[in-house]
Amino acid sequence: MRFWLILFLLFSKNIFAQQLVEKFHDWNVFKSERGDRIVCYTASTPTKREGNYDKRGEPFFLVTNIEDDADEISASSGFIYNQNSNVEVSFATKKFYLFPYKAMAWANDKNDDIDIIKEMQKSSDMIITGIARDGKIAVDTYSLIGFAASYRKLKEVCEDLR
């Protein structure tokens, strides 16, 4: 499953060479190669962090493409999620819900991935609301300035690496 590969890539800096391809305001495009596996992703961290949590890790949001396959969104609020509460992704006029597993959350299916990415390309910001297993809440605001350009670059980089 992609979940384990993504987590492994994020937390094993010495094993995988992650290369920053380009920065687009609040978004960065990276590529990683290991043997015959090519992973491209665009990533950002929140511009605003709110909530009643005491301590947590670094929240982030990713759009990942492995070997020019379908794009997949994922989010982390920096803590282990309550497995009984969906993670909310909200834009000015639309909301989506991600399913949590441990410290990550994903869209329910590829159609949701596509819809969220489309909304990200036309919005100025998005808000991720997550509930930790201890009931603490985090509300993270992400700027989407630069996302559309970073997404185009992600597609270009993954296509070029095939």
C-alpha atoms as a PDB file:
ATOM      1  CA  MET A   1       0.000   0.000   0.000  1.00  0.00           C
ATOM      2  CA  ARG A   2       1.176   3.506  -0.791  1.00  0.00           C
ATOM      3  CA  PHE A   3       0.648   4.523   2.824  1.00  0.00           C
ATOM      4  CA  TRP A   4       3.700   2.634   4.035  1.00  0.00           C
ATOM      5  CA  LEU A   5       5.884   3.839   1.177  1.00  0.00           C
ATOM      6  CA  ILE A   6       4.937   7.471   1.809  1.00  0.00           C
ATOM      7  CA  LEU A   7       5.524   7.200   5.542  1.00  0.00           C
ATOM      8  CA  PHE A   8       8.807   5.470   4.955  1.00  0.00           C
ATOM      9  CA  LEU A   9       9.890   8.186   2.505  1.00  0.00           C
ATOM     10  CA  LEU A  10       8.957  10.968   4.876  1.00  0.00           C
ATOM     11  CA  PHE A  11      10.709   9.589   7.913  1.00  0.00           C
ATOM     12  CA  SER A  12      13.798   7.929   6.482  1.00  0.00           C
ATOM     13  CA  LYS A  13      15.904  10.772   5.139  1.00  0.00           C
ATOM     14  CA  ASN A  14      19.109   8.751   5.095  1.00  0.00           C
ATOM     15  CA  ILE A  15      17.706   5.862   3.102  1.00  0.00           C
ATOM     16  CA  PHE A  16      16.026   7.819   0.305  1.00  0.00           C
ATOM     17  CA  ALA A  17      17.575  10.763  -1.457  1.00  0.00           C
ATOM     18  CA  GLN A  18      14.840  13.373  -1.541  1.00  0.00           C
ATOM     19  CA  GLN A  19      15.535  16.083  -4.042  1.00  0.00           C
ATOM     20  CA  LEU A  20      13.851  19.477  -3.901  1.00  0.00           C
ATOM     21  CA  VAL A  21      12.843  20.136  -7.496  1.00  0.00           C
ATOM     22  CA  GLU A  22      11.362  23.611  -7.121  1.00  0.00           C
ATOM     23  CA  LYS A  23       9.581  25.953  -4.701  1.00  0.00           C
ATOM     24  CA  PHE A  24       6.313  27.671  -5.553  1.00  0.00           C
ATOM     25  CA  HIS A  25       5.527  30.176  -2.794  1.00  0.00           C
ATOM     26  CA  ASP A  26       4.035  27.984  -0.018  1.00  0.00           C
ATOM     27  CA  TRP A  27       4.493  24.654  -1.853  1.00  0.00           C
ATOM     28  CA  ASN A  28       7.581  22.577  -2.632  1.00  0.00           C
ATOM     29  CA  VAL A  29       7.958  19.843  -5.243  1.00  0.00           C
ATOM     30  CA  PHE A  30      10.190  16.878  -4.417  1.00  0.00           C
ATOM     31  CA  LYS A  31      11.215  13.669  -6.111  1.00  0.00           C
ATOM     32  CA  SER A  32      12.663  10.523  -4.586  1.00  0.00           C
ATOM     33  CA  GLU A  33      14.158   7.571  -6.364  1.00  0.00           C
ATOM     34  CA  ARG A  34      15.021   4.179  -4.975  1.00  0.00           C
ATOM     35  CA  GLY A  35      15.869   1.483  -7.402  1.00  0.00           C
ATOM     36  CA  ASP A  36      12.994   1.358  -9.829  1.00  0.00           C
ATOM     37  CA  ARG A  37      10.548   3.285  -7.608  1.00  0.00           C
ATOM     38  CA  ILE A  38      10.014   6.948  -8.441  1.00  0.00           C
ATOM     39  CA  VAL A  39       7.960   9.131  -6.126  1.00  0.00           C
ATOM     40  CA  CYS A  40       7.078  12.758  -6.823  1.00  0.00           C
ATOM     41  CA  TYR A  41       5.174  14.920  -4.389  1.00  0.00           C
ATOM     42  CA  THR A  42       4.276  18.478  -3.553  1.00  0.00           C
ATOM     43  CA  ALA A  43       4.182  19.416   0.115  1.00  0.00           C
ATOM     44  CA  SER A  44       3.281  22.279   2.398  1.00  0.00           C
ATOM     45  CA  THR A  45       2.947  23.098   6.071  1.00  0.00           C
ATOM     46  CA  PRO A  46       0.253  25.286   7.647  1.00  0.00           C
ATOM     47  CA  THR A  47       0.467  29.067   7.627  1.00  0.00           C
ATOM     48  CA  LYS A  48      -1.803  29.181  10.689  1.00  0.00           C
ATOM     49  CA  ARG A  49      -2.174  26.623  13.508  1.00  0.00           C
ATOM     50  CA  GLU A  50      -4.964  26.650  16.067  1.00  0.00           C
ATOM     51  CA  GLY A  51      -6.466  24.204  18.521  1.00  0.00           C
ATOM     52  CA  ASN A  52      -6.519  23.004  22.094  1.00  0.00           C
ATOM     53  CA  TYR A  53      -3.598  20.575  21.806  1.00  0.00           C
ATOM     54  CA  ASP A  54      -0.678  20.744  24.225  1.00  0.00           C
ATOM     55  CA  LYS A  55       2.027  19.309  22.015  1.00  0.00           C
ATOM     56  CA  ARG A  56       2.200  17.764  18.573  1.00  0.00           C
ATOM     57  CA  GLY A  57       4.547  17.032  15.725  1.00  0.00           C
ATOM     58  CA  GLU A  58       4.818  18.939  12.470  1.00  0.00           C
ATOM     59  CA  PRO A  59       1.571  19.002  10.451  1.00  0.00           C
ATOM     60  CA  PHE A  60       1.820  18.732   6.649  1.00  0.00           C
ATOM     61  CA  PHE A  61      -0.199  18.138   3.505  1.00  0.00           C
ATOM     62  CA  LEU A  62       0.975  16.149   0.470  1.00  0.00           C
ATOM     63  CA  VAL A  63      -0.116  15.385  -3.048  1.00  0.00           C
ATOM     64  CA  THR A  64       1.867  12.319  -4.101  1.00  0.00           C
ATOM     65  CA  ASN A  65       2.372  10.625  -7.448  1.00  0.00           C
ATOM     66  CA  ILE A  66       4.205   7.299  -7.642  1.00  0.00           C
ATOM     67  CA  GLU A  67       5.576   6.380 -11.051  1.00  0.00           C
ATOM     68  CA  ASP A  68       3.111   8.656 -12.886  1.00  0.00           C
ATOM     69  CA  ASP A  69       0.128   6.802 -11.427  1.00  0.00           C
ATOM     70  CA  ALA A  70      -2.985   8.470  -9.996  1.00  0.00           C
ATOM     71  CA  ASP A  71      -2.393  11.369  -7.620  1.00  0.00           C
ATOM     72  CA  GLU A  72      -3.127  10.816  -3.943  1.00  0.00           C
ATOM     73  CA  ILE A  73      -3.641  13.407  -1.213  1.00  0.00           C
ATOM     74  CA  SER A  74      -2.651  12.847   2.390  1.00  0.00           C
ATOM     75  CA  ALA A  75      -2.556  14.942   5.528  1.00  0.00           C
ATOM     76  CA  SER A  76      -1.066  14.804   8.985  1.00  0.00           C
ATOM     77  CA  SER A  77      -1.997  17.029  11.905  1.00  0.00           C
ATOM     78  CA  GLY A  78       1.105  15.980  13.808  1.00  0.00           C
ATOM     79  CA  PHE A  79      -0.590  13.496  16.136  1.00  0.00           C
ATOM     80  CA  ILE A  80      -2.331  10.106  16.155  1.00  0.00           C
ATOM     81  CA  TYR A  81      -5.902  10.661  14.976  1.00  0.00           C
ATOM     82  CA  ASN A  82      -9.058   9.489  16.695  1.00  0.00           C
ATOM     83  CA  GLN A  83      -9.996   6.561  14.445  1.00  0.00           C
ATOM     84  CA  ASN A  84     -13.716   7.271  14.952  1.00  0.00           C
ATOM     85  CA  SER A  85     -13.543  10.846  13.618  1.00  0.00           C
ATOM     86  CA  ASN A  86     -12.951  11.814  10.019  1.00  0.00           C
ATOM     87  CA  VAL A  87     -10.494  14.564   9.192  1.00  0.00           C
ATOM     88  CA  GLU A  88     -12.221  17.536   7.570  1.00  0.00           C
ATOM     89  CA  VAL A  89     -10.784  19.417   4.587  1.00  0.00           C
ATOM     90  CA  SER A  90     -12.702  22.626   3.976  1.00  0.00           C
ATOM     91  CA  PHE A  91     -12.571  25.264   1.297  1.00  0.00           C
ATOM     92  CA  ALA A  92     -14.682  28.424   0.992  1.00  0.00           C
ATOM     93  CA  THR A  93     -17.693  26.567  -0.426  1.00  0.00           C
ATOM     94  CA  LYS A  94     -16.907  22.839  -0.158  1.00  0.00           C
ATOM     95  CA  LYS A  95     -15.976  20.261   2.458  1.00  0.00           C
ATOM     96  CA  PHE A  96     -14.452  16.833   2.125  1.00  0.00           C
ATOM     97  CA  TYR A  97     -13.760  14.142   4.705  1.00  0.00           C
ATOM     98  CA  LEU A  98     -10.628  12.026   4.924  1.00  0.00           C
ATOM     99  CA  PHE A  99     -10.290   8.707   6.703  1.00  0.00           C
ATOM    100  CA  PRO A 100      -7.616   8.632   9.405  1.00  0.00           C
ATOM    101  CA  TYR A 101      -5.164   5.849  10.115  1.00  0.00           C
ATOM    102  CA  LYS A 102      -2.703   6.488  12.922  1.00  0.00           C
ATOM    103  CA  ALA A 103      -0.968   9.831  12.134  1.00  0.00           C
ATOM    104  CA  MET A 104      -2.121  10.148   8.497  1.00  0.00           C
ATOM    105  CA  ALA A 105      -5.404  10.751   6.682  1.00  0.00           C
ATOM    106  CA  TRP A 106      -6.429  10.055   3.065  1.00  0.00           C
ATOM    107  CA  ALA A 107      -9.321  10.610   0.694  1.00  0.00           C
ATOM    108  CA  ASN A 108     -11.831   7.773   0.616  1.00  0.00           C
ATOM    109  CA  ASP A 109     -11.273   7.058  -3.086  1.00  0.00           C
ATOM    110  CA  LYS A 110      -9.582   8.331  -6.238  1.00  0.00           C
ATOM    111  CA  ASN A 111     -12.594  10.469  -7.155  1.00  0.00           C
ATOM    112  CA  ASP A 112     -12.245  12.364  -3.873  1.00  0.00           C
ATOM    113  CA  ASP A 113      -8.514  12.785  -4.536  1.00  0.00           C
ATOM    114  CA  ILE A 114      -9.341  14.315  -7.929  1.00  0.00           C
ATOM    115  CA  ASP A 115     -12.068  16.581  -6.513  1.00  0.00           C
ATOM    116  CA  ILE A 116      -9.869  17.831  -3.658  1.00  0.00           C
ATOM    117  CA  ILE A 117      -6.981  18.569  -6.023  1.00  0.00           C
ATOM    118  CA  LYS A 118      -9.335  20.469  -8.364  1.00  0.00           C
ATOM    119  CA  GLU A 119     -10.617  22.529  -5.454  1.00  0.00           C
ATOM    120  CA  MET A 120      -7.066  23.200  -4.273  1.00  0.00           C
ATOM    121  CA  GLN A 121      -6.168  24.580  -7.705  1.00  0.00           C
ATOM    122  CA  LYS A 122      -8.934  27.186  -7.622  1.00  0.00           C
ATOM    123  CA  SER A 123      -8.954  28.143  -3.924  1.00  0.00           C
ATOM    124  CA  SER A 124      -6.744  30.512  -1.947  1.00  0.00           C
ATOM    125  CA  ASP A 125      -6.604  28.398   1.202  1.00  0.00           C
ATOM    126  CA  MET A 126      -7.852  25.210   2.832  1.00  0.00           C
ATOM    127  CA  ILE A 127      -8.462  24.268   6.424  1.00  0.00           C
ATOM    128  CA  ILE A 128      -7.688  20.835   7.847  1.00  0.00           C
ATOM    129  CA  THR A 129      -9.458  19.954  11.100  1.00  0.00           C
ATOM    130  CA  GLY A 130      -8.334  16.834  12.920  1.00  0.00           C
ATOM    131  CA  ILE A 131      -9.184  15.263  16.254  1.00  0.00           C
ATOM    132  CA  ALA A 132      -6.470  13.424  18.172  1.00  0.00           C
ATOM    133  CA  ARG A 133      -7.088  10.144  19.952  1.00  0.00           C
ATOM    134  CA  ASP A 134      -7.108  12.083  23.258  1.00  0.00           C
ATOM    135  CA  GLY A 135      -9.868  14.376  21.944  1.00  0.00           C
ATOM    136  CA  LYS A 136      -7.649  17.400  21.321  1.00  0.00           C
ATOM    137  CA  ILE A 137      -8.451  19.357  18.158  1.00  0.00           C
ATOM    138  CA  ALA A 138      -6.112  20.936  15.610  1.00  0.00           C
ATOM    139  CA  VAL A 139      -7.268  23.413  12.973  1.00  0.00           C
ATOM    140  CA  ASP A 140      -4.567  24.073  10.386  1.00  0.00           C
ATOM    141  CA  THR A 141      -4.872  26.630   7.593  1.00  0.00           C
ATOM    142  CA  TYR A 142      -2.832  26.037   4.457  1.00  0.00           C
ATOM    143  CA  SER A 143      -2.162  28.723   1.885  1.00  0.00           C
ATOM    144  CA  LEU A 144      -2.790  27.452  -1.615  1.00  0.00           C
ATOM    145  CA  ILE A 145      -0.722  30.204  -3.192  1.00  0.00           C
ATOM    146  CA  GLY A 146       1.641  28.385  -5.519  1.00  0.00           C
ATOM    147  CA  PHE A 147      -0.234  25.081  -5.377  1.00  0.00           C
ATOM    148  CA  ALA A 148      -1.453  25.121  -8.999  1.00  0.00           C
ATOM    149  CA  ALA A 149       2.079  25.789 -10.289  1.00  0.00           C
ATOM    150  CA  SER A 150       3.579  23.154  -7.978  1.00  0.00           C
ATOM    151  CA  TYR A 151       0.986  20.607  -9.119  1.00  0.00           C
ATOM    152  CA  ARG A 152       1.789  21.274 -12.777  1.00  0.00           C
ATOM    153  CA  LYS A 153       5.490  20.813 -11.972  1.00  0.00           C
ATOM    154  CA  LEU A 154       4.732  17.578 -10.086  1.00  0.00           C
ATOM    155  CA  LYS A 155       2.987  16.190 -13.170  1.00  0.00           C
ATOM    156  CA  GLU A 156       5.842  17.326 -15.410  1.00  0.00           C
ATOM    157  CA  VAL A 157       8.534  15.801 -13.172  1.00  0.00           C
ATOM    158  CA  CYS A 158       6.736  12.459 -12.823  1.00  0.00           C
ATOM    159  CA  GLU A 159       6.071  12.293 -16.559  1.00  0.00           C
ATOM    160  CA  ASP A 160       9.724  13.055 -17.343  1.00  0.00           C
ATOM    161  CA  LEU A 161      10.945  10.295 -15.009  1.00  0.00           C
ATOM    162  CA  ARG A 162       9.007   7.499 -16.688  1.00  0.00           C
END
